[in-house]
C-alpha atoms as a PDB file:
ATOM      1  CA  MET A   1      83.853  75.129  73.188  1.00  0.00           C
ATOM      2  CA  TYR A   2      80.735  76.907  71.993  1.00  0.00           C
ATOM      3  CA  LEU A   3      78.471  79.751  73.085  1.00  0.00           C
ATOM      4  CA  ALA A   4      74.741  79.342  72.448  1.00  0.00           C
ATOM      5  CA  ARG A   5      71.658  81.220  73.640  1.00  0.00           C
ATOM      6  CA  ASP A   6      68.352  79.541  74.422  1.00  0.00           C
ATOM      7  CA  ASN A   7      65.018  80.898  73.191  1.00  0.00           C
ATOM      8  CA  ASN A   8      64.461  82.431  76.678  1.00  0.00           C
ATOM      9  CA  LYS A   9      67.743  84.416  76.226  1.00  0.00           C
ATOM     10  CA  ASP A  10      69.807  82.341  78.711  1.00  0.00           C
ATOM     11  CA  LEU A  11      73.432  82.028  77.557  1.00  0.00           C
ATOM     12  CA  TYR A  12      75.510  78.852  77.907  1.00  0.00           C
ATOM     13  CA  LEU A  13      79.066  77.749  77.291  1.00  0.00           C
ATOM     14  CA  PHE A  14      79.148  74.170  75.969  1.00  0.00           C
ATOM     15  CA  TYR A  15      82.140  71.823  75.945  1.00  0.00           C
ATOM     16  CA  GLY A  16      81.073  70.295  72.612  1.00  0.00           C
ATOM     17  CA  LYS A  17      78.915  71.660  69.813  1.00  0.00           C
ATOM     18  CA  PRO A  18      75.280  71.590  71.016  1.00  0.00           C
ATOM     19  CA  SER A  19      72.155  70.685  69.033  1.00  0.00           C
ATOM     20  CA  ARG A  20      69.119  72.936  68.757  1.00  0.00           C
ATOM     21  CA  GLY A  21      65.996  71.703  70.484  1.00  0.00           C
ATOM     22  CA  ARG A  22      62.539  73.282  70.346  1.00  0.00           C
ATOM     23  CA  GLU A  23      63.319  75.921  72.999  1.00  0.00           C
ATOM     24  CA  CYS A  24      66.941  75.357  73.998  1.00  0.00           C
ATOM     25  CA  TRP A  25      70.328  73.966  72.983  1.00  0.00           C
ATOM     26  CA  TRP A  26      71.347  70.464  74.117  1.00  0.00           C
ATOM     27  CA  ALA A  27      74.741  68.972  74.843  1.00  0.00           C
ATOM     28  CA  GLU A  28      75.572  66.075  72.544  1.00  0.00           C
ATOM     29  CA  GLU A  29      77.278  64.132  75.325  1.00  0.00           C
ATOM     30  CA  GLY A  30      76.208  63.495  78.919  1.00  0.00           C
ATOM     31  CA  VAL A  31      74.753  66.432  80.799  1.00  0.00           C
ATOM     32  CA  ASP A  32      77.055  66.716  83.829  1.00  0.00           C
ATOM     33  CA  GLY A  33      79.994  69.014  83.155  1.00  0.00           C
ATOM     34  CA  THR A  34      79.216  69.660  79.492  1.00  0.00           C
ATOM     35  CA  TYR A  35      77.822  73.188  79.833  1.00  0.00           C
ATOM     36  CA  LEU A  36      77.975  76.273  82.058  1.00  0.00           C
ATOM     37  CA  LYS A  37      75.304  78.971  82.377  1.00  0.00           C
ATOM     38  CA  LEU A  38      76.712  82.476  81.845  1.00  0.00           C
ATOM     39  CA  ASP A  39      75.405  85.967  82.570  1.00  0.00           C
ATOM     40  CA  LYS A  40      72.795  86.628  79.860  1.00  0.00           C
ATOM     41  CA  SER A  41      74.016  90.216  79.391  1.00  0.00           C
ATOM     42  CA  LEU A  42      77.255  88.893  77.833  1.00  0.00           C
ATOM     43  CA  TYR A  43      77.772  88.331  74.092  1.00  0.00           C
ATOM     44  CA  LEU A  44      74.528  89.866  72.873  1.00  0.00           C
ATOM     45  CA  GLU A  45      75.562  89.019  69.304  1.00  0.00           C
ATOM     46  CA  VAL A  46      74.798  85.369  70.152  1.00  0.00           C
ATOM     47  CA  THR A  47      71.064  84.911  69.655  1.00  0.00           C
ATOM     48  CA  TRP A  48      68.612  82.010  69.541  1.00  0.00           C
ATOM     49  CA  ASP A  49      68.519  82.393  65.760  1.00  0.00           C
ATOM     50  CA  SER A  50      72.303  82.210  65.340  1.00  0.00           C
ATOM     51  CA  GLU A  51      74.326  79.027  65.204  1.00  0.00           C
ATOM     52  CA  PRO A  52      76.545  78.194  68.214  1.00  0.00           C
ATOM     53  CA  LEU A  53      79.674  80.352  68.218  1.00  0.00           C
ATOM     54  CA  GLU A  54      82.934  78.442  68.556  1.00  0.00           C
ATOM     55  CA  VAL A  55      85.134  80.072  71.214  1.00  0.00           C
ATOM     56  CA  GLU A  56      88.430  79.464  72.954  1.00  0.00           C
ATOM     57  CA  LEU A  57      89.123  79.720  76.677  1.00  0.00           C
ATOM     58  CA  VAL A  58      92.490  81.329  77.430  1.00  0.00           C
ATOM     59  CA  VAL A  59      94.128  81.114  80.848  1.00  0.00           C
ATOM     60  CA  LYS A  60      96.432  84.043  81.549  1.00  0.00           C
ATOM     61  CA  SER A  61      99.656  83.411  83.363  1.00  0.00           C
ATOM     62  CA  SER A  62      99.879  84.838  86.875  1.00  0.00           C
ATOM     63  CA  ASP A  63     103.619  85.502  86.438  1.00  0.00           C
ATOM     64  CA  SER A  64     104.539  89.122  87.053  1.00  0.00           C
END
């Protein structure tokens, strides 16, 4: 998965590595289910000028 920020500062989590368009990042595969819009105040180090940041989603166990 990858984090990328559009030119308008919107932040997205992509399933696959996105490609840079003129104003925003695009999913390589079909549109449905390939990205998720996140709160733009998160991960300020990800900018329009930076390359997509590869990330990992970790699910914590609910065992006590």
